[in-house]
N, C-alpha and C. Protein backbone atom coordinates (compact mmCIF):
# COMPACT_ATOMS: atom_id res chain seq x y z
N MET A 1 123.16 -134.60 60.46
CA MET A 1 121.85 -134.48 59.85
C MET A 1 120.81 -135.25 60.66
N TYR A 2 121.17 -136.45 61.11
CA TYR A 2 120.23 -137.26 61.87
C TYR A 2 119.85 -136.57 63.18
N SER A 3 120.84 -136.01 63.87
CA SER A 3 120.54 -135.37 65.15
C SER A 3 119.68 -134.12 64.95
N LEU A 4 119.86 -133.44 63.82
CA LEU A 4 119.03 -132.27 63.53
C LEU A 4 117.57 -132.68 63.36
N LEU A 5 117.34 -133.77 62.64
CA LEU A 5 115.97 -134.25 62.45
C LEU A 5 115.38 -134.76 63.77
N THR A 6 116.18 -135.45 64.54
CA THR A 6 115.71 -135.96 65.84
C THR A 6 115.35 -134.80 66.76
N GLY A 7 116.21 -133.80 66.82
CA GLY A 7 115.95 -132.63 67.66
C GLY A 7 114.71 -131.88 67.23
N THR A 8 114.54 -131.75 65.94
CA THR A 8 113.35 -131.07 65.40
C THR A 8 112.08 -131.84 65.72
N TRP A 9 112.14 -133.16 65.57
CA TRP A 9 110.98 -134.00 65.87
C TRP A 9 110.60 -133.91 67.35
N LYS A 10 111.59 -133.98 68.23
CA LYS A 10 111.32 -133.90 69.67
C LYS A 10 110.74 -132.53 70.04
N ARG A 11 111.26 -131.48 69.43
CA ARG A 11 110.74 -130.14 69.70
C ARG A 11 109.30 -130.01 69.20
N ALA A 12 109.02 -130.57 68.04
CA ALA A 12 107.66 -130.52 67.50
C ALA A 12 106.69 -131.28 68.41
N GLN A 13 107.11 -132.42 68.91
CA GLN A 13 106.25 -133.18 69.83
C GLN A 13 106.01 -132.40 71.12
N TYR A 14 107.05 -131.76 71.63
CA TYR A 14 106.95 -130.97 72.85
C TYR A 14 105.93 -129.84 72.66
N VAL A 15 106.05 -129.12 71.56
CA VAL A 15 105.13 -128.01 71.28
C VAL A 15 103.71 -128.53 71.09
N TYR A 16 103.57 -129.65 70.37
CA TYR A 16 102.25 -130.26 70.17
C TYR A 16 101.59 -130.57 71.51
N HIS A 17 102.32 -131.19 72.42
CA HIS A 17 101.74 -131.55 73.72
C HIS A 17 101.43 -130.31 74.55
N GLN A 18 102.22 -129.26 74.42
CA GLN A 18 101.91 -128.01 75.13
C GLN A 18 100.60 -127.42 74.62
N VAL A 19 100.44 -127.39 73.31
CA VAL A 19 99.24 -126.81 72.71
C VAL A 19 98.01 -127.65 73.08
N MET A 20 98.12 -128.96 72.97
CA MET A 20 96.99 -129.82 73.28
C MET A 20 96.65 -129.78 74.78
N HIS A 21 97.65 -129.63 75.64
CA HIS A 21 97.39 -129.50 77.07
C HIS A 21 96.59 -128.23 77.35
N ALA A 22 97.00 -127.13 76.75
CA ALA A 22 96.28 -125.87 76.94
C ALA A 22 94.86 -125.96 76.39
N TYR A 23 94.70 -126.60 75.24
CA TYR A 23 93.39 -126.78 74.62
C TYR A 23 92.45 -127.59 75.52
N HIS A 24 92.94 -128.72 76.02
CA HIS A 24 92.09 -129.56 76.85
C HIS A 24 91.82 -128.92 78.21
N CYS A 25 92.75 -128.16 78.74
CA CYS A 25 92.50 -127.45 80.00
C CYS A 25 91.38 -126.42 79.83
N THR A 26 91.40 -125.73 78.70
CA THR A 26 90.35 -124.75 78.42
C THR A 26 89.00 -125.43 78.28
N LEU A 27 88.95 -126.54 77.56
CA LEU A 27 87.70 -127.28 77.42
C LEU A 27 87.23 -127.81 78.77
N TYR A 28 88.17 -128.28 79.59
CA TYR A 28 87.83 -128.80 80.92
C TYR A 28 87.18 -127.71 81.77
N LYS A 29 87.73 -126.52 81.75
CA LYS A 29 87.20 -125.43 82.57
C LYS A 29 85.81 -125.00 82.13
N ASP A 30 85.56 -125.04 80.82
CA ASP A 30 84.30 -124.54 80.28
C ASP A 30 83.19 -125.59 80.20
N CYS A 31 83.52 -126.85 80.40
CA CYS A 31 82.56 -127.93 80.19
C CYS A 31 81.60 -128.06 81.38
N LEU A 32 80.35 -128.34 81.08
CA LEU A 32 79.34 -128.54 82.12
C LEU A 32 78.98 -130.01 82.30
N ASP A 33 79.17 -130.81 81.28
CA ASP A 33 78.85 -132.24 81.32
C ASP A 33 79.97 -132.97 82.06
N MET A 34 79.61 -133.73 83.09
CA MET A 34 80.62 -134.38 83.93
C MET A 34 81.41 -135.45 83.18
N GLN A 35 80.78 -136.20 82.30
CA GLN A 35 81.51 -137.23 81.55
C GLN A 35 82.55 -136.60 80.64
N MET A 36 82.17 -135.56 79.95
CA MET A 36 83.11 -134.88 79.06
C MET A 36 84.20 -134.17 79.87
N LYS A 37 83.82 -133.66 81.03
CA LYS A 37 84.80 -132.99 81.88
C LYS A 37 85.88 -133.98 82.33
N GLU A 38 85.46 -135.20 82.68
CA GLU A 38 86.43 -136.24 83.05
C GLU A 38 87.33 -136.59 81.88
N HIS A 39 86.76 -136.68 80.69
CA HIS A 39 87.53 -136.98 79.49
C HIS A 39 88.57 -135.89 79.23
N PHE A 40 88.16 -134.63 79.30
CA PHE A 40 89.09 -133.54 79.06
C PHE A 40 90.18 -133.50 80.11
N TYR A 41 89.83 -133.83 81.36
CA TYR A 41 90.84 -133.87 82.42
C TYR A 41 91.87 -134.97 82.13
N ARG A 42 91.40 -136.15 81.72
CA ARG A 42 92.32 -137.25 81.40
C ARG A 42 93.25 -136.87 80.25
N MET A 43 92.70 -136.23 79.24
CA MET A 43 93.51 -135.83 78.09
C MET A 43 94.52 -134.75 78.48
N ALA A 44 94.11 -133.79 79.29
CA ALA A 44 95.03 -132.74 79.74
C ALA A 44 96.15 -133.36 80.57
N ARG A 45 95.78 -134.29 81.44
CA ARG A 45 96.79 -134.97 82.27
C ARG A 45 97.76 -135.78 81.40
N HIS A 46 97.24 -136.46 80.38
CA HIS A 46 98.08 -137.23 79.46
C HIS A 46 99.12 -136.33 78.80
N HIS A 47 98.69 -135.18 78.30
CA HIS A 47 99.61 -134.27 77.63
C HIS A 47 100.60 -133.65 78.62
N GLU A 48 100.14 -133.40 79.84
CA GLU A 48 101.04 -132.88 80.86
C GLU A 48 102.15 -133.88 81.16
N LEU A 49 101.81 -135.15 81.26
CA LEU A 49 102.81 -136.17 81.53
C LEU A 49 103.79 -136.32 80.37
N LYS A 50 103.29 -136.19 79.14
CA LYS A 50 104.16 -136.26 77.95
C LYS A 50 105.14 -135.06 77.93
N ILE A 51 104.67 -133.90 78.36
CA ILE A 51 105.55 -132.73 78.42
C ILE A 51 106.65 -132.97 79.42
N LYS A 52 106.29 -133.48 80.60
CA LYS A 52 107.29 -133.71 81.65
C LYS A 52 108.27 -134.82 81.29
N SER A 53 107.81 -135.82 80.56
CA SER A 53 108.70 -136.93 80.20
C SER A 53 109.68 -136.54 79.09
N SER A 54 109.35 -135.51 78.33
CA SER A 54 110.24 -135.12 77.24
C SER A 54 111.32 -134.14 77.71
N ASP A 55 111.22 -133.64 78.94
CA ASP A 55 112.25 -132.71 79.47
C ASP A 55 113.55 -133.41 79.72
């Protein structure tokens, strides 16, 4: 039972970071303000690193 919950939680986190990475990449591409563009890039990079670390 514990491993089922752990596996489900890890999978949910993986999917969450994939979705948020795609979301921030889209915002990064469409943004015209340089400060916000840097913020979206940092957030996209953060989620990308979380995806790679969970593999």
